[in-house]
C-alpha cells in the first residue's frame, strides 16, 4: 500500500481544516510505508521572518529525544557498560532525593519507564557548560516525591535527566556528545543536532505560542542545556523517517552493522508498565497493541513547537508530524486517525459520552494539585467544567508564556475516565485513579499526577 497522490490530497485537506481551526504557521509531515515515503510541507518557519517550510526544515522534536536516550542506554547495556536493574547510585553515588528509599533503589528501568514517583517537570537552567546536567541532577533533591518508587506511572522528565547523567558518567562525555557518538553517527543520522549553532546554517523553524487566534514567536528558541537529554534534539522529517526504519528493524544500522541486539530492541518496544489511558510503556517508548498490531510512539512539546512520531514495526509503517505551534494537538490527532486507518486498518472510535449521576459529579468535583499546576473540576448546573492552571520552570523561562487554558466541559466515557468535550485538547483524557466507589485521591492528566485537596 504505497503512499500516492490520493494520500497527499487527504493530508492537504486535513492540514487545511486544522489550520483554519487553530494557528499553525508551519509544519512538515512524513509517511513511511515499507520502502516508500510520502513527505509534505506547509506554511512558514516564522511569522516574523518567514521562509517557506520544506520537508528538510528543522524543528525541535522535544521529548522524542527520550527515545534516542533510551536507544543509547540499550546500546550501552548490550556493550556490558550498563544494566537496567542496578540502583543508579552505582554510577551516581552522590544522588540525593527527598525520599531516601527512592534515591537508594531507583534503577534505569524506573527512569526509562516513568515509574520513579517524584515530580518530574523541572526545566531549571544551570548554564551552558558541560556540567549543566550534573548540576541539574544535584538539584533533584528538591523535587517532591508524589508516590512511592514504582507505585504508579507518571510522566517524568527529571527521571530521563537522571538516566542521561548516568550515560555521561559511563561514557565520560557530555550527553549531547554521547548521543552523537553512540547513536546518531552509527545510525547515519549525522544531520540531527542539539545546539542552535549547529542548526543555524540550515533552514530551521521557530516556535510560536497562540494568543486567541494569533500566533506569536516564542522566545527563547530552545530549552535549557540542562534538559537536552530530556527534549533537546533538533531534526527533520527525512532524519526521523530514517530513525523510524531502525526501530522497525532487527537492530542493524543503515550500514547493515549490528548496533543493538534483537533482544534489546524488542525490550524497548515491549509493554512493560501500564501507563496513561490504557497504554503501556516500554523502554522510552509508548506502546500500544491494537487489532493485533503493535504501535510504538512518542510526542514532543517544547517552547512553541510540537512533534509526533508513530512506528508500527511489523507493518513497516511510520508517521512523522513536526509543527511550530503550541496548538497542534487536534492536527496531530486527525493525522494519526487517518494514518492508522489507511496504513494499519485501525478505525477510529470516538469517545462515547455517558450521562453522569449527581453522585458521580460530586465525587469528582474539587481541586487537584501538583507542583506545576492546579486543576479545578466544578459542577455548573448538570455540567462538569474543567480548568487547568499551569505554572513552573518551563513557563518561567519564556519571555511571553502562552495564555492559561480556558475552562472546558468534560464528560464521562466510563466511571473512571473523563474527556474534554471541546477546545484545543478535545478528547484528552482525565483518569480517576480510584476504584469506582472509592474516594478519589489522585487523578492523572496529560501523564501527570494531581492530588485531590
Protein backbone atom coordinates (compact mmCIF):
# COMPACT_ATOMS: atom_id res chain seq x y z
CA UNK A 1 0.00 0.00 0.00
CA UNK A 2 2.34 2.72 -1.24
CA UNK A 3 1.58 6.36 -0.44
CA UNK A 4 0.19 8.10 -3.50
CA UNK A 5 -1.50 11.20 -4.85
CA UNK A 6 -4.76 10.50 -3.02
CA UNK A 7 -2.89 10.30 0.29
CA UNK A 8 -1.25 13.64 -0.37
CA UNK A 9 -4.62 15.19 -1.15
CA UNK A 10 -6.04 13.79 2.09
CA UNK A 11 -3.13 15.23 4.05
CA UNK A 12 -3.64 18.61 2.40
CA UNK A 13 -7.33 18.55 3.31
CA UNK A 14 -6.66 17.64 6.97
CA UNK A 15 -3.97 20.30 7.26
CA UNK A 16 -6.22 22.98 5.73
CA UNK A 17 -9.08 22.10 8.08
CA UNK A 18 -6.92 22.16 11.20
CA UNK A 19 -5.01 25.32 10.24
CA UNK A 20 -8.38 27.03 9.85
CA UNK A 21 -9.25 25.93 13.39
CA UNK A 22 -6.00 26.90 15.19
CA UNK A 23 -2.98 28.90 14.01
CA UNK A 24 -0.21 26.57 12.79
CA UNK A 25 2.36 28.74 10.99
CA UNK A 26 4.31 25.81 9.54
CA UNK A 27 4.58 22.04 9.54
CA UNK A 28 6.32 19.13 7.90
CA UNK A 29 4.93 15.59 7.56
CA UNK A 30 6.42 12.24 6.60
CA UNK A 31 4.72 8.90 5.95
CA UNK A 32 6.70 5.67 5.62
CA UNK A 33 5.21 2.52 4.13
CA UNK A 34 7.84 -0.16 3.60
CA UNK A 35 10.41 1.37 1.27
CA UNK A 36 8.06 4.08 0.03
CA UNK A 37 7.93 7.58 1.50
CA UNK A 38 5.47 10.43 1.22
CA UNK A 39 6.52 13.85 2.52
CA UNK A 40 4.78 17.21 2.54
CA UNK A 41 5.44 20.66 3.96
CA UNK A 42 3.18 23.64 4.59
CA UNK A 43 3.42 27.23 5.75
CA UNK A 44 6.35 29.22 7.05
CA UNK A 45 9.20 28.89 9.51
CA UNK A 46 8.27 32.08 11.38
CA UNK A 47 5.53 34.71 11.40
CA UNK A 48 8.17 37.40 11.94
CA UNK A 49 10.78 36.39 9.34
CA UNK A 50 9.04 33.83 7.17
CA UNK A 51 10.67 31.29 4.90
CA UNK A 52 8.63 28.50 3.32
CA UNK A 53 8.80 25.27 5.30
CA UNK A 54 10.30 22.41 3.28
CA UNK A 55 10.48 18.71 4.13
CA UNK A 56 14.11 19.32 5.14
CA UNK A 57 13.28 22.16 7.53
CA UNK A 58 14.46 21.60 11.09
CA UNK A 59 12.08 21.52 14.05
CA UNK A 60 12.68 20.85 17.72
CA UNK A 61 11.31 17.38 18.41
CA UNK A 62 11.04 17.74 22.20
CA UNK A 63 10.52 14.53 24.11
CA UNK A 64 11.04 12.29 21.08
CA UNK A 65 14.61 12.87 22.33
CA UNK A 66 13.82 10.43 25.15
CA UNK A 67 13.67 7.56 22.66
CA UNK A 68 17.17 8.47 21.41
CA UNK A 69 18.38 8.38 25.02
CA UNK A 70 16.67 5.02 25.56
CA UNK A 71 18.32 3.73 22.38
CA UNK A 72 21.71 4.86 23.68
CA UNK A 73 21.15 3.22 27.07
CA UNK A 74 20.22 -0.09 25.46
CA UNK A 75 23.33 0.08 23.28
CA UNK A 76 25.43 0.52 26.42
CA UNK A 77 23.57 -2.38 28.06
CA UNK A 78 24.48 -4.58 25.08
CA UNK A 79 28.10 -3.46 25.42
CA UNK A 80 28.12 -4.51 29.10
CA UNK A 81 28.65 -0.95 30.31
CA UNK A 82 25.21 -0.51 31.90
CA UNK A 83 22.42 -2.66 33.25
CA UNK A 84 18.82 -1.72 33.77
CA UNK A 85 18.27 -3.29 37.17
CA UNK A 86 21.09 -1.90 39.32
CA UNK A 87 20.49 1.11 41.56
CA UNK A 88 21.51 4.32 39.81
CA UNK A 89 23.79 5.12 42.76
CA UNK A 90 26.16 2.53 41.30
CA UNK A 91 27.10 5.26 38.80
CA UNK A 92 25.88 8.41 40.58
CA UNK A 93 26.84 7.63 44.22
CA UNK A 94 26.07 11.15 45.45
CA UNK A 95 22.45 11.07 44.23
CA UNK A 96 20.17 12.76 46.76
CA UNK A 97 16.38 12.86 46.61
CA UNK A 98 13.74 13.88 49.12
CA UNK A 99 12.90 10.22 49.60
CA UNK A 100 15.89 8.10 50.60
CA UNK A 101 14.27 4.85 49.51
CA UNK A 102 13.83 6.26 46.03
CA UNK A 103 17.40 7.58 45.95
CA UNK A 104 18.84 4.26 47.12
CA UNK A 105 16.78 1.98 44.89
CA UNK A 106 15.87 3.83 41.70
CA UNK A 107 17.07 1.97 38.59
CA UNK A 108 17.36 2.82 34.92
CA UNK A 109 14.22 0.77 34.35
CA UNK A 110 12.32 3.09 36.72
CA UNK A 111 13.74 6.12 34.92
CA UNK A 112 13.06 4.93 31.39
CA UNK A 113 9.51 3.76 32.14
CA UNK A 114 8.43 6.86 34.14
CA UNK A 115 7.85 4.99 37.42
CA UNK A 116 10.12 6.98 39.75
CA UNK A 117 7.29 8.67 41.62
CA UNK A 118 8.79 12.12 42.04
CA UNK A 119 7.56 15.30 40.40
CA UNK A 120 9.22 15.38 37.00
CA UNK A 121 8.56 18.72 35.31
CA UNK A 122 11.72 20.64 36.15
CA UNK A 123 13.30 22.79 33.44
CA UNK A 124 15.63 24.87 35.59
CA UNK A 125 18.56 26.45 33.77
CA UNK A 126 22.04 25.51 35.01
CA UNK A 127 24.02 27.31 32.34
CA UNK A 128 25.53 26.28 29.04
CA UNK A 129 28.58 24.45 30.33
CA UNK A 130 29.30 20.74 30.04
CA UNK A 131 28.34 20.41 33.72
CA UNK A 132 24.74 21.62 33.19
CA UNK A 133 23.19 18.14 33.51
CA UNK A 134 25.34 17.27 36.53
CA UNK A 135 24.09 20.42 38.27
CA UNK A 136 20.51 19.60 37.33
CA UNK A 137 20.73 16.15 38.91
CA UNK A 138 22.28 17.61 42.06
CA UNK A 139 19.23 19.90 42.36
CA UNK A 140 16.77 17.00 42.05
CA UNK A 141 16.86 16.65 45.85
CA UNK A 142 14.28 19.47 45.84
CA UNK A 143 11.68 17.53 43.81
CA UNK A 144 8.59 16.33 45.63
CA UNK A 145 8.15 12.55 45.95
CA UNK A 146 4.49 12.27 44.99
CA UNK A 147 4.09 8.49 45.28
CA UNK A 148 6.48 5.67 46.30
CA UNK A 149 9.08 4.45 43.83
CA UNK A 150 7.47 2.09 41.32
CA UNK A 151 3.94 2.62 42.64
CA UNK A 152 2.37 4.50 39.74
CA UNK A 153 3.15 5.61 36.21
CA UNK A 154 3.54 9.37 35.78
CA UNK A 155 5.37 11.17 33.01
CA UNK A 156 8.76 12.24 34.34
CA UNK A 157 11.23 14.49 32.57
CA UNK A 158 13.60 14.57 35.54
CA UNK A 159 13.88 10.77 35.51
CA UNK A 160 15.28 10.91 31.99
CA UNK A 161 17.69 13.65 33.05
CA UNK A 162 18.99 11.25 35.69
CA UNK A 163 19.35 8.50 33.06
CA UNK A 164 21.24 10.98 30.90
CA UNK A 165 23.60 11.75 33.77
CA UNK A 166 24.31 8.03 34.15
CA UNK A 167 25.27 7.95 30.47
CA UNK A 168 27.59 10.93 30.99
CA UNK A 169 29.37 9.16 33.85
CA UNK A 170 29.77 5.89 31.97
CA UNK A 171 30.92 7.39 28.68
CA UNK A 172 32.90 10.30 30.11
CA UNK A 173 31.18 12.56 27.58
CA UNK A 174 28.55 15.32 27.79
CA UNK A 175 25.17 13.85 26.93
CA UNK A 176 24.99 15.58 23.55
CA UNK A 177 28.37 14.14 22.53
CA UNK A 178 27.40 10.70 23.82
CA UNK A 179 24.17 10.66 21.81
CA UNK A 180 26.01 11.84 18.71
CA UNK A 181 28.91 9.40 19.05
CA UNK A 182 26.99 6.31 20.15
CA UNK A 183 23.67 6.75 18.30
CA UNK A 184 23.43 9.44 15.63
CA UNK A 185 26.67 8.72 13.79
CA UNK A 186 26.22 4.96 13.97
CA UNK A 187 22.67 5.14 12.62
CA UNK A 188 23.55 7.55 9.81
CA UNK A 189 21.76 10.49 11.46
CA UNK A 190 24.64 12.97 11.31
CA UNK A 191 22.24 15.78 10.37
CA UNK A 192 20.33 15.57 13.66
CA UNK A 193 21.51 18.15 16.19
CA UNK A 194 21.21 19.57 19.71
CA UNK A 195 22.53 23.12 19.56
CA UNK A 196 21.37 26.28 17.78
CA UNK A 197 24.84 26.92 16.36
CA UNK A 198 24.66 23.53 14.64
CA UNK A 199 21.27 24.30 13.11
CA UNK A 200 21.65 27.96 12.18
CA UNK A 201 23.22 27.28 8.76
CA UNK A 202 20.16 25.19 7.77
CA UNK A 203 16.52 26.19 7.32
CA UNK A 204 15.04 25.98 10.81
CA UNK A 205 11.64 26.68 12.29
CA UNK A 206 10.98 28.82 15.34
CA UNK A 207 8.28 28.10 17.90
CA UNK A 208 5.02 30.01 18.28
CA UNK A 209 2.57 30.38 21.13
CA UNK A 210 -1.05 31.10 20.27
CA UNK A 211 -2.93 34.03 21.84
CA UNK A 212 -6.59 33.70 20.87
CA UNK A 213 -6.22 33.40 17.07
CA UNK A 214 -2.77 35.00 16.80
CA UNK A 215 0.50 33.04 16.63
CA UNK A 216 3.47 34.89 18.13
CA UNK A 217 7.11 33.85 18.03
CA UNK A 218 8.06 32.09 21.27
CA UNK A 219 11.31 33.00 22.97
CA UNK A 220 13.80 31.69 23.95
CA UNK A 221 14.18 29.34 21.00
CA UNK A 222 15.43 26.32 22.98
CA UNK A 223 15.00 24.73 26.39
CA UNK A 224 17.99 24.97 28.79
CA UNK A 225 21.02 22.79 28.08
CA UNK A 226 20.45 21.01 31.41
CA UNK A 227 17.37 19.39 29.85
CA UNK A 228 18.88 18.41 26.48
CA UNK A 229 18.77 14.74 27.48
CA UNK A 230 15.05 15.16 28.04
CA UNK A 231 13.99 17.08 24.94
CA UNK A 232 16.79 18.90 23.16
CA UNK A 233 17.08 17.22 19.75
CA UNK A 234 16.51 19.21 16.56
CA UNK A 235 15.77 17.18 13.45
CA UNK A 236 13.68 16.96 10.29
CA UNK A 237 11.35 14.55 8.53
CA UNK A 238 13.97 12.62 6.48
CA UNK A 239 16.15 12.06 9.54
CA UNK A 240 13.22 10.89 11.67
CA UNK A 241 11.96 8.53 8.97
CA UNK A 242 15.45 7.00 8.86
CA UNK A 243 15.35 6.70 12.66
CA UNK A 244 11.94 5.00 12.41
CA UNK A 245 13.41 2.48 9.97
CA UNK A 246 15.95 1.44 12.58
CA UNK A 247 13.26 0.91 15.21
CA UNK A 248 11.17 -1.23 12.89
CA UNK A 249 14.22 -3.36 12.07
CA UNK A 250 16.35 -6.06 13.68
CA UNK A 251 18.99 -3.94 15.43
CA UNK A 252 21.25 -3.30 12.45
CA UNK A 253 22.24 0.19 11.39
CA UNK A 254 21.74 1.76 7.97
CA UNK A 255 25.19 0.35 7.08
CA UNK A 256 23.88 -3.15 7.98
CA UNK A 257 26.15 -3.38 11.02
CA UNK A 258 24.81 -4.71 14.32
CA UNK A 259 24.05 -1.70 16.50
CA UNK A 260 21.78 -3.34 19.08
CA UNK A 261 20.83 -6.91 19.87
CA UNK A 262 17.40 -8.02 18.74
CA UNK A 263 16.53 -8.76 22.38
CA UNK A 264 17.31 -5.20 23.45
CA UNK A 265 15.38 -3.74 20.53
CA UNK A 266 12.40 -5.93 21.37
CA UNK A 267 12.60 -4.87 25.03
CA UNK A 268 12.34 -1.21 24.05
CA UNK A 269 9.01 -1.89 22.34
CA UNK A 270 7.63 -4.36 24.87
CA UNK A 271 4.68 -3.28 27.09
CA UNK A 272 6.49 -3.27 30.45
CA UNK A 273 4.39 -0.88 32.56
CA UNK A 274 0.69 0.10 32.41
CA UNK A 275 0.62 3.81 31.62
CA UNK A 276 -1.93 6.51 30.88
CA UNK A 277 -5.29 5.90 29.26
CA UNK A 278 -4.86 2.18 28.68
CA UNK A 279 -1.47 2.43 27.00
CA UNK A 280 1.81 0.90 28.17
CA UNK A 281 5.43 1.94 28.38
CA UNK A 282 8.43 0.11 27.08
CA UNK A 283 11.96 1.44 27.39
CA UNK A 284 11.36 5.12 26.49
CA UNK A 285 8.55 4.34 24.02
CA UNK A 286 4.79 4.47 24.44
CA UNK A 287 3.50 1.02 23.46
CA UNK A 288 0.04 0.04 22.24
CA UNK A 289 -1.40 -3.18 20.83
CA UNK A 290 -4.39 -2.54 18.58
CA UNK A 291 -6.09 -5.19 16.46
CA UNK A 292 -3.01 -7.38 16.83
CA UNK A 293 -0.68 -4.61 15.66
CA UNK A 294 1.99 -3.19 17.97
CA UNK A 295 2.47 0.56 17.70
CA UNK A 296 5.25 2.46 19.41
CA UNK A 297 5.46 6.20 19.54
CA UNK A 298 6.35 9.41 21.28
CA UNK A 299 5.31 13.03 21.19
CA UNK A 300 7.31 16.12 21.93
CA UNK A 301 6.39 19.59 23.13
CA UNK A 302 8.88 22.35 23.85
CA UNK A 303 8.74 26.13 23.57
CA UNK A 304 6.11 26.69 20.88
CA UNK A 305 6.85 23.53 18.90
CA UNK A 306 5.12 20.14 18.93
CA UNK A 307 6.20 16.91 17.25
CA UNK A 308 4.90 13.37 16.88
CA UNK A 309 6.40 10.04 15.80
CA UNK A 310 4.46 6.78 15.39
CA UNK A 311 6.03 3.49 14.27
CA UNK A 312 4.32 0.16 13.55
CA UNK A 313 7.35 -2.16 13.19
CA UNK A 314 5.55 -5.26 11.90
CA UNK A 315 3.79 -3.19 9.23
CA UNK A 316 6.96 -1.22 8.43
CA UNK A 317 4.88 1.92 8.67
CA UNK A 318 5.60 5.25 10.34
CA UNK A 319 4.21 8.77 10.66
CA UNK A 320 6.16 11.96 11.49
CA UNK A 321 4.43 15.29 12.20
CA UNK A 322 6.56 18.36 13.02
CA UNK A 323 4.92 21.71 13.82
CA UNK A 324 5.94 25.16 15.05
CA UNK A 325 2.97 25.89 17.30
CA UNK A 326 1.78 25.02 20.80
CA UNK A 327 -1.69 24.30 19.37
CA UNK A 328 -1.02 21.23 17.23
CA UNK A 329 -2.91 18.59 19.24
CA UNK A 330 -6.01 18.44 17.04
CA UNK A 331 -3.91 18.33 13.87
CA UNK A 332 -1.81 15.50 15.30
CA UNK A 333 -4.94 13.61 16.33
CA UNK A 334 -6.54 13.99 12.89
CA UNK A 335 -3.41 12.83 11.07
CA UNK A 336 -2.94 9.94 13.49
CA UNK A 337 -6.51 8.76 12.95
CA UNK A 338 -6.09 8.92 9.16
CA UNK A 339 -2.70 7.14 9.23
CA UNK A 340 -3.95 4.32 11.44
CA UNK A 341 -6.99 3.74 9.25
CA UNK A 342 -5.09 3.99 5.97
CA UNK A 343 -1.93 2.02 6.78
CA UNK A 344 -2.83 -0.15 9.76
CA UNK A 345 -6.55 -0.77 9.16
CA UNK A 346 -7.44 0.57 12.60
CA UNK A 347 -10.67 2.57 12.60
CA UNK A 348 -11.15 5.50 14.94
CA UNK A 349 -13.85 5.07 17.55
CA UNK A 350 -14.85 8.46 19.00
CA UNK A 351 -15.36 8.62 22.76
CA UNK A 352 -18.88 7.66 23.83
CA UNK A 353 -20.05 10.11 26.45
CA UNK A 354 -22.19 8.70 29.25
CA UNK A 355 -24.69 10.57 31.35
CA UNK A 356 -23.44 11.03 34.90
CA UNK A 357 -25.36 11.00 38.14
CA UNK A 358 -25.26 13.83 40.68
CA UNK A 359 -23.29 11.47 42.95
CA UNK A 360 -20.64 10.90 40.26
CA UNK A 361 -20.34 14.64 39.68
CA UNK A 362 -19.99 15.36 43.40
CA UNK A 363 -17.37 12.63 43.76
CA UNK A 364 -15.11 14.05 41.05
CA UNK A 365 -15.62 17.76 41.76
CA UNK A 366 -12.86 19.55 43.62
CA UNK A 367 -9.31 20.90 43.38
CA UNK A 368 -6.35 18.74 42.40
CA UNK A 369 -2.76 19.97 42.63
CA UNK A 370 0.80 19.08 41.77
CA UNK A 371 3.98 21.19 41.95
CA UNK A 372 3.38 22.63 38.47
CA UNK A 373 -0.32 23.37 38.41
CA UNK A 374 -3.85 23.10 39.74
CA UNK A 375 -6.95 21.53 38.26
CA UNK A 376 -10.42 22.61 39.32
CA UNK A 377 -13.39 20.44 38.38
CA UNK A 378 -16.63 22.25 39.14
CA UNK A 379 -20.31 21.47 38.80
CA UNK A 380 -22.15 24.02 36.65
CA UNK A 381 -25.82 23.07 36.71
CA UNK A 382 -25.54 19.50 35.38
CA UNK A 383 -22.26 20.05 33.54
CA UNK A 384 -18.75 19.32 34.74
CA UNK A 385 -16.29 22.12 33.95
CA UNK A 386 -12.54 21.51 33.96
CA UNK A 387 -9.93 24.26 34.40
CA UNK A 388 -6.18 23.60 34.40
CA UNK A 389 -3.93 26.41 35.65
CA UNK A 390 -0.27 25.79 34.85
CA UNK A 391 2.97 27.20 36.24
CA UNK A 392 6.52 26.02 36.78
CA UNK A 393 10.02 26.45 35.43
CA UNK A 394 9.24 25.97 31.72
CA UNK A 395 6.72 28.84 31.72
CA UNK A 396 9.10 30.93 33.78
CA UNK A 397 11.88 30.85 31.18
CA UNK A 398 9.59 32.05 28.36
CA UNK A 399 9.58 35.74 27.53
CA UNK A 400 5.83 35.55 26.80
CA UNK A 401 4.23 32.35 28.11
CA UNK A 402 1.05 31.21 26.38
CA UNK A 403 -2.29 32.09 27.98
CA UNK A 404 -3.64 29.75 30.61
CA UNK A 405 -6.05 27.18 29.15
CA UNK A 406 -9.70 28.20 29.08
CA UNK A 407 -12.21 26.18 31.18
CA UNK A 408 -13.81 23.39 29.16
CA UNK A 409 -16.65 20.97 29.65
CA UNK A 410 -15.70 17.36 30.40
CA UNK A 411 -17.79 14.21 30.38
CA UNK A 412 -17.56 10.58 31.46
CA UNK A 413 -16.74 7.83 28.98
CA UNK A 414 -16.74 5.29 31.81
CA UNK A 415 -16.80 5.60 35.62
CA UNK A 416 -13.03 6.15 35.91
CA UNK A 417 -12.44 8.35 32.90
CA UNK A 418 -13.41 11.83 31.73
CA UNK A 419 -12.56 13.52 28.43
CA UNK A 420 -12.53 17.08 27.17
CA UNK A 421 -15.67 17.69 25.13
CA UNK A 422 -14.41 20.87 23.48
CA UNK A 423 -11.42 23.12 22.95
CA UNK A 424 -7.88 22.62 21.59
CA UNK A 425 -7.41 19.47 23.70
CA UNK A 426 -10.73 17.87 22.77
CA UNK A 427 -10.83 14.12 23.64
CA UNK A 428 -7.90 14.45 26.08
CA UNK A 429 -8.45 12.06 28.97
CA UNK A 430 -8.67 12.71 32.71
CA UNK A 431 -8.16 9.46 34.63
CA UNK A 432 -9.57 8.90 38.10
CA UNK A 433 -7.08 6.70 39.94
CA UNK A 434 -9.53 5.08 42.32
CA UNK A 435 -11.95 2.18 42.40
CA UNK A 436 -15.42 3.07 41.11
CA UNK A 437 -16.92 3.52 44.57
CA UNK A 438 -13.83 4.72 46.47
CA UNK A 439 -12.96 8.34 47.30
CA UNK A 440 -10.71 9.92 44.68
CA UNK A 441 -7.21 10.74 45.94
CA UNK A 442 -5.41 11.19 42.62
CA UNK A 443 -6.19 11.99 39.00
CA UNK A 444 -3.81 11.64 36.06
CA UNK A 445 -3.92 14.27 33.35
CA UNK A 446 -1.52 14.63 30.41
CA UNK A 447 0.52 11.95 32.12
CA UNK A 448 0.93 13.91 35.37
CA UNK A 449 -0.43 13.08 38.82
CA UNK A 450 -2.61 15.60 40.68
CA UNK A 451 -3.63 15.03 44.32
CA UNK A 452 -7.10 15.96 45.48
CA UNK A 453 -7.17 18.61 48.20
